[in-house]
Amino acid sequence: MNQIFRSVLLAGAAAVLASSVQAAAPAKPAEVVKQKAQIDAGLDKAYPHLEALYRDIHQHPELAFQETATAAKLAKEMRDLGFEVTEHVGKTGIVAIYKNGPGPTVMVRTELDALPMEEKTGLPFASHATQMWQGKPTPVDHSCGHDIHMAAWLGAAQQLVAMRSQWHGTLMFIGQPAEEAIGGAKAMIADGLFTRWPKPDLGFAQHVGPGPAGGVSYRAGVWSSNADGFEITFFGRGAHGSRPQLSIDPVMEAARFTVDLQSVVSREKDPAVFGVAGVGAIQAGSAGNIIPDQAVVRGTIRSYDPDTRKILKSGVDRTAKAVAEMAKAPAPKVDMDQGADAVVNDAAITARIAPLFKAAFGEQAVEAAGPGSASEDYSEFVIAGVPSLYWGLGGYEAKTLADYKAKGEVPPGNHTPQFAPAPEPSIRTGVEAMTLAVLGVLGK
């Protein structure tokens, strides 16, 4: 997203918010504390069901655009609450609408998909599921925390329905497929998300991470990074492993590329500016005594600003071609996949919700010092004209963090096989934060 477009977008978002939401006065701290107590009282009854759903989804994860059972479970839950539910939006997504008189429309989004990796948490409800991924059966794990998000999403819907006398407007709860594949948001928009239903006046989303449980973090402006992917096929000439002189070794090309790419990061990019380019997968060969004739390298590029993004993408292309030329190999096949733009939080919405979080969570509500390095296709909704606030949830209990610190270790983060956020209080905090945010813009 270029800077000019971003400025126009933020200015327009602020105008929309001012006209459609700020007519309702912000809740006072005492009112927020009272609302949180009411939410907690409702959660005391609802929580066992939410954790049971979380465990079920955790144990039965599904990959991008394959989330049929997951979507069906959430659709049933929302229908039981009185939402009008449409399934198969953007292939496997769901849209749930709840109308409660005149007022703004607020979108609340959760992701549905899991990751193609083996879980190693040792949890009694750990996933042993497999699905087809890149042509072969692959273990699947909710190692990004989307299972926590789904439980909190449902919990917020439950509490908002129970507290419907305290707000007016329309809820648009969406279950988005394929966030990990950076394609689900676009798919839902292309399938008429904002034409078959009215475009929301604003939107909310949240994400669990390895921070302290019970807390939330937020910031106005850029929240996450731009994401781009690459796949490079290096070509060579196969040979017997004992006669490398007869080969053009694509494994050597892949290895050299993996290392040399870091010179782009360290020598071409401003060291004071965030930017990552790295390889996450190399596939080549079938046996140790065979030099193959091709190797495939897959990786990711992350950045905050367009100039750095351009430098890194250009560097990937030039490095791959130079490595092949040095090996006297045919030119490589370089495929660049533009993934997600950075999520940009609306300043006016952030300013409205931040005091509510402070009142509800005290010192555990923290304004983030800078953007995160991960990426999110929620940005597609923002680009489509839905001013939003996206915040973080802590997932680890204090004792867990203290234990890792005592061992001199970093707690496992998202996308690692050991990532295991504590459902209680992570789900509870997610329900509280999301419910309070919606009440903060729809409250009477």
Protein backbone atom coordinates (compact mmCIF):
# COMPACT_ATOMS: atom_id res chain seq x y z
CA MET A 1 0.00 0.00 0.00
CA ASN A 2 1.69 3.27 -1.04
CA GLN A 3 1.91 6.16 1.40
CA ILE A 4 -0.47 8.45 -0.54
CA PHE A 5 -3.18 5.81 -0.70
CA ARG A 6 -2.70 5.03 2.98
CA SER A 7 -3.12 8.69 3.95
CA VAL A 8 -6.31 8.99 1.91
CA LEU A 9 -7.61 5.77 3.37
CA LEU A 10 -6.98 6.83 6.96
CA ALA A 11 -8.52 10.24 6.41
CA GLY A 12 -11.63 8.68 4.89
CA ALA A 13 -11.85 6.15 7.69
CA ALA A 14 -11.75 8.89 10.30
CA ALA A 15 -14.60 10.72 8.56
CA VAL A 16 -16.73 7.57 8.44
CA LEU A 17 -16.13 6.91 12.10
CA ALA A 18 -16.98 10.47 13.08
CA SER A 19 -20.29 10.41 11.26
CA SER A 20 -21.52 6.92 12.07
CA VAL A 21 -20.06 5.91 15.40
CA GLN A 22 -19.06 8.87 17.50
CA ALA A 23 -22.66 9.98 17.91
CA ALA A 24 -22.68 7.64 20.91
CA ALA A 25 -20.64 9.00 23.81
CA PRO A 26 -17.66 6.84 24.86
CA ALA A 27 -18.30 4.76 27.96
CA LYS A 28 -16.85 6.09 31.21
CA PRO A 29 -14.29 3.91 33.05
CA ALA A 30 -16.80 2.94 35.73
CA GLU A 31 -19.26 1.83 33.04
CA VAL A 32 -16.55 -0.25 31.34
CA VAL A 33 -15.70 -1.99 34.62
CA LYS A 34 -19.40 -2.73 35.13
CA GLN A 35 -19.72 -4.10 31.57
CA LYS A 36 -16.63 -6.28 32.06
CA ALA A 37 -18.12 -7.70 35.26
CA GLN A 38 -21.32 -8.51 33.38
CA ILE A 39 -19.33 -10.19 30.60
CA ASP A 40 -17.38 -12.22 33.16
CA ALA A 41 -20.58 -13.34 34.85
CA GLY A 42 -21.87 -14.57 31.50
CA LEU A 43 -18.54 -16.22 30.76
CA ASP A 44 -18.59 -18.13 34.03
CA LYS A 45 -21.56 -20.03 32.60
CA ALA A 46 -20.48 -20.12 28.95
CA TYR A 47 -16.76 -20.79 29.32
CA PRO A 48 -16.87 -24.62 29.65
CA HIS A 49 -18.60 -24.84 26.27
CA LEU A 50 -16.13 -22.42 24.69
CA GLU A 51 -13.13 -24.41 25.89
CA ALA A 52 -14.73 -27.66 24.73
CA LEU A 53 -15.18 -26.10 21.28
CA TYR A 54 -11.58 -24.86 21.36
CA ARG A 55 -10.28 -28.34 22.19
CA ASP A 56 -12.42 -29.91 19.47
CA ILE A 57 -11.17 -27.45 16.84
CA HIS A 58 -7.59 -27.78 18.08
CA GLN A 59 -7.75 -31.55 17.78
CA HIS A 60 -9.33 -31.42 14.32
CA PRO A 61 -7.54 -28.61 12.44
CA GLU A 62 -8.04 -27.96 8.74
CA LEU A 63 -5.84 -26.27 6.15
CA ALA A 64 -6.60 -23.26 3.96
CA PHE A 65 -9.79 -23.63 1.89
CA GLN A 66 -10.33 -27.07 3.42
CA GLU A 67 -12.02 -25.80 6.63
CA THR A 68 -15.39 -27.42 5.92
CA ALA A 69 -15.95 -29.09 9.30
CA THR A 70 -14.61 -26.08 11.21
CA ALA A 71 -16.90 -23.68 9.33
CA ALA A 72 -19.90 -25.96 9.84
CA LYS A 73 -19.32 -26.06 13.61
CA LEU A 74 -19.17 -22.29 13.87
CA ALA A 75 -22.16 -21.83 11.55
CA LYS A 76 -24.30 -24.05 13.78
CA GLU A 77 -23.21 -22.20 16.92
CA MET A 78 -24.11 -18.84 15.38
CA ARG A 79 -27.49 -20.03 14.11
CA ASP A 80 -28.27 -21.27 17.60
CA LEU A 81 -27.62 -17.72 18.85
CA GLY A 82 -30.08 -16.24 16.35
CA PHE A 83 -27.65 -15.02 13.67
CA GLU A 84 -28.56 -15.26 9.98
CA VAL A 85 -25.72 -17.43 8.66
CA THR A 86 -24.47 -17.89 5.11
CA GLU A 87 -21.88 -20.57 4.45
CA HIS A 88 -19.42 -21.14 1.58
CA VAL A 89 -18.53 -17.46 1.18
CA GLY A 90 -15.13 -17.32 -0.48
CA LYS A 91 -15.27 -21.13 -0.75
CA THR A 92 -15.27 -22.10 2.95
CA GLY A 93 -15.95 -18.84 4.79
CA ILE A 94 -19.05 -17.94 6.77
CA VAL A 95 -20.96 -14.69 7.32
CA ALA A 96 -23.23 -14.34 10.35
CA ILE A 97 -25.52 -11.29 10.68
CA TYR A 98 -27.36 -10.12 13.79
CA LYS A 99 -29.58 -7.04 13.48
CA ASN A 100 -30.50 -5.10 16.59
CA GLY A 101 -32.16 -1.92 15.45
CA PRO A 102 -30.74 1.09 13.63
CA GLY A 103 -27.07 1.94 13.93
CA PRO A 104 -23.65 1.18 12.47
CA THR A 105 -22.55 -2.22 11.20
CA VAL A 106 -19.51 -3.70 12.93
CA MET A 107 -17.49 -6.54 11.42
CA VAL A 108 -15.83 -9.04 13.77
CA ARG A 109 -13.46 -11.46 12.09
CA THR A 110 -11.88 -14.76 13.02
CA GLU A 111 -9.67 -17.02 10.92
CA LEU A 112 -10.55 -20.67 10.33
CA ASP A 113 -7.40 -22.35 9.02
CA ALA A 114 -4.44 -24.16 10.55
CA LEU A 115 -0.85 -24.81 9.43
CA PRO A 116 0.83 -27.71 7.59
CA MET A 117 3.09 -28.85 10.43
CA GLU A 118 3.29 -31.49 13.15
CA GLU A 119 2.22 -30.53 16.65
CA LYS A 120 4.74 -31.23 19.43
CA THR A 121 3.03 -29.67 22.45
CA GLY A 122 2.29 -32.93 24.25
CA LEU A 123 -1.22 -31.68 25.06
CA PRO A 124 -3.80 -34.42 25.80
CA PHE A 125 -5.92 -32.96 22.99
CA ALA A 126 -3.03 -32.50 20.56
CA SER A 127 -3.72 -32.75 16.85
CA HIS A 128 -2.86 -35.94 14.99
CA ALA A 129 -4.77 -34.83 11.90
CA THR A 130 -3.40 -34.93 8.37
CA GLN A 131 -4.62 -33.34 5.14
CA MET A 132 -3.34 -33.14 1.60
CA TRP A 133 -0.78 -30.35 1.20
CA GLN A 134 1.26 -29.84 -1.96
CA GLY A 135 0.22 -33.26 -3.20
CA LYS A 136 0.98 -35.36 -0.13
CA PRO A 137 -0.56 -36.17 3.28
CA THR A 138 0.77 -33.66 5.81
CA PRO A 139 0.30 -33.17 9.57
CA VAL A 140 -1.90 -30.19 10.49
CA ASP A 141 -1.63 -28.05 13.62
CA HIS A 142 -3.34 -24.93 14.98
CA SER A 143 0.09 -23.52 15.83
CA CYS A 144 -0.91 -19.93 15.09
CA GLY A 145 -3.72 -19.76 17.65
CA HIS A 146 -6.71 -19.51 15.33
CA ASP A 147 -8.50 -22.04 17.55
CA ILE A 148 -8.26 -19.54 20.43
CA HIS A 149 -9.58 -16.82 18.11
CA MET A 150 -12.59 -18.89 17.07
CA ALA A 151 -13.58 -19.65 20.65
CA ALA A 152 -13.26 -15.97 21.62
CA TRP A 153 -15.20 -14.95 18.49
CA LEU A 154 -18.10 -17.20 19.47
CA GLY A 155 -17.88 -16.07 23.08
CA ALA A 156 -18.10 -12.42 22.06
CA ALA A 157 -21.17 -13.19 19.94
CA GLN A 158 -22.79 -14.94 22.92
CA GLN A 159 -22.18 -12.01 25.25
CA LEU A 160 -23.30 -9.38 22.75
CA VAL A 161 -26.58 -11.22 22.17
CA ALA A 162 -27.06 -11.53 25.92
CA MET A 163 -26.36 -7.77 26.33
CA ARG A 164 -28.37 -6.65 23.30
CA SER A 165 -30.41 -4.21 25.38
CA GLN A 166 -27.19 -2.17 25.81
CA TRP A 167 -26.39 -1.57 22.14
CA HIS A 168 -28.00 -1.02 18.76
CA GLY A 169 -26.80 -1.67 15.23
CA THR A 170 -25.79 -4.70 13.18
CA LEU A 171 -23.15 -7.35 13.88
CA MET A 172 -21.35 -8.94 10.94
CA PHE A 173 -19.34 -11.86 12.32
CA ILE A 174 -17.20 -13.46 9.63
CA GLY A 175 -15.21 -16.70 9.68
CA GLN A 176 -12.44 -16.18 7.14
CA PRO A 177 -10.71 -19.09 5.43
CA ALA A 178 -7.10 -19.32 4.28
CA GLU A 179 -5.45 -16.57 6.30
CA GLU A 180 -2.26 -18.61 6.40
CA ALA A 181 -2.30 -18.90 2.62
CA ILE A 182 -2.92 -15.14 2.32
CA GLY A 183 -5.94 -15.64 0.10
CA GLY A 184 -9.07 -15.98 2.19
CA ALA A 185 -9.87 -12.30 2.66
CA LYS A 186 -9.61 -11.63 -1.07
CA ALA A 187 -11.74 -14.69 -1.78
CA MET A 188 -14.53 -13.50 0.51
CA ILE A 189 -14.46 -9.99 -0.96
CA ALA A 190 -14.51 -11.41 -4.49
CA ASP A 191 -17.52 -13.52 -3.50
CA GLY A 192 -19.49 -10.42 -2.57
CA LEU A 193 -18.74 -9.89 1.10
CA PHE A 194 -19.34 -6.15 0.76
CA THR A 195 -21.95 -6.27 -2.01
CA ARG A 196 -24.19 -9.14 -0.92
CA TRP A 197 -24.18 -7.55 2.53
CA PRO A 198 -23.74 -3.87 3.43
CA LYS A 199 -20.14 -2.80 3.86
CA PRO A 200 -19.37 -2.50 7.60
CA ASP A 201 -18.74 0.91 9.10
CA LEU A 202 -15.76 -0.50 10.97
CA GLY A 203 -14.11 -3.79 11.87
CA PHE A 204 -12.29 -5.55 14.70
CA ALA A 205 -9.89 -8.49 14.87
CA GLN A 206 -7.43 -9.88 17.38
CA HIS A 207 -4.52 -12.32 17.52
CA VAL A 208 -3.01 -14.38 20.33
CA GLY A 209 0.76 -14.51 20.78
CA PRO A 210 3.43 -15.53 23.32
CA GLY A 211 2.98 -12.49 25.58
CA PRO A 212 1.52 -12.43 29.11
CA ALA A 213 -1.99 -13.89 29.28
CA GLY A 214 -4.74 -11.58 30.38
CA GLY A 215 -3.31 -8.61 28.52
CA VAL A 216 -3.93 -6.81 25.25
CA SER A 217 -1.67 -4.70 23.06
CA TYR A 218 -2.67 -2.16 20.42
CA ARG A 219 -1.40 0.77 18.41
CA ALA A 220 -2.63 3.24 15.81
CA GLY A 221 -1.09 3.10 12.35
CA VAL A 222 0.91 0.20 10.94
CA TRP A 223 0.30 -2.96 12.98
CA SER A 224 1.85 -5.74 10.89
CA SER A 225 4.27 -6.21 8.01
CA ASN A 226 3.88 -6.54 4.26
CA ALA A 227 4.30 -10.15 3.15
CA ASP A 228 5.59 -11.53 -0.13
CA GLY A 229 6.54 -15.07 -1.00
CA PHE A 230 8.90 -16.56 -3.55
CA GLU A 231 9.47 -19.95 -5.14
CA ILE A 232 12.63 -20.50 -7.16
CA THR A 233 13.43 -23.56 -9.24
CA PHE A 234 17.14 -24.02 -9.87
CA PHE A 235 18.03 -26.24 -12.82
CA GLY A 236 21.17 -28.31 -13.23
CA ARG A 237 22.49 -31.55 -14.66
CA GLY A 238 22.15 -34.76 -12.69
CA ALA A 239 25.01 -37.18 -12.09
CA HIS A 240 26.26 -39.98 -9.86
CA GLY A 241 27.28 -38.69 -6.46
CA SER A 242 30.80 -40.02 -6.99
CA ARG A 243 31.24 -38.00 -10.21
CA PRO A 244 30.25 -34.42 -9.34
CA GLN A 245 32.46 -33.08 -12.15
CA LEU A 246 29.81 -34.29 -14.60
CA SER A 247 27.03 -32.43 -12.89
CA ILE A 248 25.67 -28.94 -12.54
CA ASP A 249 24.55 -29.23 -8.94
CA PRO A 250 21.24 -27.41 -8.19
CA VAL A 251 21.61 -28.22 -4.48
CA MET A 252 24.75 -26.07 -4.46
CA GLU A 253 22.80 -23.34 -6.25
CA ALA A 254 20.04 -23.50 -3.65
CA ALA A 255 22.52 -23.47 -0.78
CA ARG A 256 24.49 -20.54 -2.19
CA PHE A 257 21.30 -18.59 -2.83
CA THR A 258 20.12 -19.17 0.73
CA VAL A 259 23.33 -17.68 2.12
CA ASP A 260 23.95 -14.95 -0.47
CA LEU A 261 20.42 -13.60 -0.14
CA GLN A 262 21.37 -12.32 3.30
CA SER A 263 23.85 -9.91 1.72
CA VAL A 264 20.82 -8.11 0.25
CA VAL A 265 19.36 -7.79 3.75
CA SER A 266 22.63 -6.70 5.36
CA ARG A 267 24.17 -4.58 2.59
CA GLU A 268 21.37 -3.13 0.43
CA LYS A 269 18.62 -2.45 2.96
CA ASP A 270 18.90 0.38 5.46
CA PRO A 271 19.90 -1.39 8.71
CA ALA A 272 17.63 0.93 10.69
CA VAL A 273 14.57 -0.16 8.69
CA PHE A 274 12.76 -3.46 9.25
CA GLY A 275 13.06 -6.02 6.47
CA VAL A 276 13.39 -9.81 6.28
CA ALA A 277 14.11 -12.11 3.35
CA GLY A 278 14.77 -15.75 4.04
CA VAL A 279 14.35 -19.34 2.92
CA GLY A 280 11.98 -21.66 4.75
CA ALA A 281 11.99 -24.76 2.52
CA ILE A 282 14.41 -26.47 0.13
CA GLN A 283 13.33 -29.55 -1.80
CA ALA A 284 15.78 -31.52 -3.94
CA GLY A 285 16.93 -35.04 -4.67
CA SER A 286 15.90 -38.46 -3.50
CA ALA A 287 19.07 -40.19 -2.30
CA GLY A 288 22.47 -39.25 -0.93
CA ASN A 289 24.41 -40.69 -3.87
CA ILE A 290 22.42 -38.94 -6.60
CA ILE A 291 23.01 -35.35 -7.66
CA PRO A 292 19.55 -34.19 -8.83
CA ASP A 293 18.79 -32.04 -11.83
CA GLN A 294 16.70 -29.43 -10.03
CA ALA A 295 16.04 -27.91 -6.61
CA VAL A 296 13.12 -25.82 -5.38
CA VAL A 297 13.55 -23.06 -2.82
CA ARG A 298 10.64 -21.35 -1.06
CA GLY A 299 10.86 -18.32 1.18
CA THR A 300 9.31 -15.16 2.50
CA ILE A 301 9.89 -11.40 2.39
CA ARG A 302 8.62 -9.07 5.13
CA SER A 303 8.75 -5.27 5.26
CA TYR A 304 6.90 -2.20 6.48
CA ASP A 305 7.55 0.34 3.73
CA PRO A 306 7.34 0.14 -0.09
CA ASP A 307 10.99 1.05 -0.72
CA THR A 308 12.33 -1.78 1.42
CA ARG A 309 9.82 -4.15 -0.12
CA LYS A 310 11.11 -3.23 -3.58
CA ILE A 311 14.77 -3.67 -2.57
CA LEU A 312 14.19 -7.12 -1.12
CA LYS A 313 12.07 -8.41 -4.00
CA SER A 314 14.61 -7.17 -6.53
CA GLY A 315 17.39 -8.74 -4.48
CA VAL A 316 15.74 -12.16 -4.51
CA ASP A 317 15.46 -12.09 -8.30
CA ARG A 318 19.00 -10.84 -8.95
CA THR A 319 20.62 -13.22 -6.46
CA ALA A 320 18.86 -16.26 -7.92
CA LYS A 321 19.93 -15.39 -11.47
CA ALA A 322 23.50 -14.61 -10.42
CA VAL A 323 23.85 -17.90 -8.54
CA ALA A 324 22.68 -19.84 -11.59
CA GLU A 325 25.04 -17.97 -13.90
CA MET A 326 27.99 -18.62 -11.61
CA ALA A 327 27.15 -22.34 -11.67
CA LYS A 328 26.93 -22.31 -15.50
CA ALA A 329 23.36 -23.47 -15.05
CA PRO A 330 20.25 -22.55 -17.02
CA ALA A 331 18.40 -19.49 -15.79
CA PRO A 332 16.22 -20.27 -12.76
CA LYS A 333 12.44 -19.98 -12.70
CA VAL A 334 11.60 -17.22 -10.22
CA ASP A 335 7.99 -16.88 -9.08
CA MET A 336 7.11 -13.99 -6.79
CA ASP A 337 3.82 -14.06 -4.92
CA GLN A 338 2.62 -10.76 -3.49
CA GLY A 339 0.84 -11.72 -0.31
CA ALA A 340 -0.57 -9.26 2.17
CA ASP A 341 -0.10 -5.55 2.71
CA ALA A 342 0.48 -4.24 6.21
CA VAL A 343 -2.56 -3.92 8.47
CA VAL A 344 -3.06 -0.22 9.28
CA ASN A 345 -5.10 0.53 12.40
CA ASP A 346 -7.43 3.51 12.19
CA ALA A 347 -6.28 6.30 14.49
CA ALA A 348 -9.78 7.44 15.48
CA ILE A 349 -10.99 3.93 16.32
CA THR A 350 -7.82 3.24 18.28
CA ALA A 351 -8.26 6.46 20.24
CA ARG A 352 -11.83 5.45 21.08
CA ILE A 353 -11.12 1.86 22.14
CA ALA A 354 -7.77 2.31 23.93
CA PRO A 355 -9.31 3.99 27.02
CA LEU A 356 -11.85 1.15 27.27
CA PHE A 357 -9.03 -1.40 27.28
CA LYS A 358 -7.16 0.63 29.89
CA ALA A 359 -10.25 0.78 32.09
CA ALA A 360 -10.89 -2.96 31.71
CA PHE A 361 -7.38 -4.40 31.86
CA GLY A 362 -5.36 -1.72 33.64
CA GLU A 363 -1.60 -2.12 33.26
CA GLN A 364 -2.15 -5.20 31.13
CA ALA A 365 -3.47 -2.97 28.33
CA VAL A 366 -0.29 -1.84 26.58
CA GLU A 367 0.28 0.44 23.63
CA ALA A 368 2.76 -1.38 21.37
CA ALA A 369 5.95 0.53 20.67
CA GLY A 370 6.06 -0.53 17.03
CA PRO A 371 4.54 -2.85 14.42
CA GLY A 372 4.93 -6.61 14.56
CA SER A 373 6.98 -8.58 12.04
CA ALA A 374 4.23 -11.07 11.16
CA SER A 375 1.74 -10.46 8.34
CA GLU A 376 -2.02 -10.67 7.97
CA ASP A 377 -4.45 -10.54 5.07
CA TYR A 378 -6.95 -8.67 7.25
CA SER A 379 -5.39 -5.72 5.44
CA GLU A 380 -7.59 -6.58 2.44
CA PHE A 381 -10.66 -5.52 4.42
CA VAL A 382 -9.00 -2.24 5.38
CA ILE A 383 -8.00 -1.58 1.77
CA ALA A 384 -11.59 -2.33 0.74
CA GLY A 385 -12.73 0.56 2.93
CA VAL A 386 -13.43 -0.92 6.40
CA PRO A 387 -11.58 1.21 9.00
CA SER A 388 -10.42 -1.15 11.70
CA LEU A 389 -8.59 -1.91 14.91
CA TYR A 390 -6.54 -5.09 15.15
CA TRP A 391 -4.98 -5.90 18.53
CA GLY A 392 -2.91 -8.57 20.21
CA LEU A 393 -3.72 -10.98 23.05
CA GLY A 394 -1.22 -12.51 25.44
CA GLY A 395 -1.27 -16.31 25.54
CA TYR A 396 1.12 -17.50 28.24
CA GLU A 397 0.50 -17.57 31.97
CA ALA A 398 2.99 -15.80 34.23
CA LYS A 399 4.41 -19.06 35.62
CA THR A 400 5.05 -20.40 32.12
CA LEU A 401 6.91 -17.25 31.14
CA ALA A 402 8.89 -17.30 34.39
CA ASP A 403 9.88 -20.93 33.85
CA TYR A 404 11.21 -20.20 30.36
CA LYS A 405 13.06 -17.15 31.65
CA ALA A 406 14.67 -19.17 34.45
CA LYS A 407 15.94 -21.66 31.87
CA GLY A 408 17.27 -18.86 29.69
CA GLU A 409 14.89 -19.85 26.90
CA VAL A 410 12.41 -17.94 24.76
CA PRO A 411 8.83 -19.27 24.99
CA PRO A 412 7.62 -20.92 21.77
CA GLY A 413 5.90 -18.45 19.49
CA ASN A 414 3.34 -18.69 16.72
CA HIS A 415 4.15 -21.09 13.89
CA THR A 416 6.30 -23.32 16.08
CA PRO A 417 5.26 -26.91 16.88
CA GLN A 418 5.38 -26.25 20.64
CA PHE A 419 3.16 -23.14 20.62
CA ALA A 420 0.46 -23.74 23.23
CA PRO A 421 -1.29 -20.64 24.57
CA ALA A 422 -3.31 -21.23 27.73
CA PRO A 423 -7.01 -21.33 26.78
CA GLU A 424 -7.87 -19.87 30.18
CA PRO A 425 -7.41 -16.89 30.42
CA SER A 426 -6.62 -16.30 26.70
CA ILE A 427 -10.14 -17.09 25.50
CA ARG A 428 -11.71 -15.14 28.35
CA THR A 429 -9.56 -12.07 27.62
CA GLY A 430 -10.42 -12.32 23.93
CA VAL A 431 -14.14 -12.42 24.70
CA GLU A 432 -13.85 -9.49 27.10
CA ALA A 433 -11.80 -7.35 24.71
CA MET A 434 -13.94 -8.01 21.65
CA THR A 435 -17.24 -7.55 23.48
CA LEU A 436 -16.09 -4.30 25.09
CA ALA A 437 -14.79 -2.98 21.76
CA VAL A 438 -18.13 -3.60 20.05
CA LEU A 439 -20.05 -2.11 22.95
CA GLY A 440 -17.69 0.84 22.76
CA VAL A 441 -18.94 1.78 19.30
CA LEU A 442 -22.50 0.47 19.36
CA GLY A 443 -23.42 1.16 22.97
CA LYS A 444 -26.50 3.25 23.73
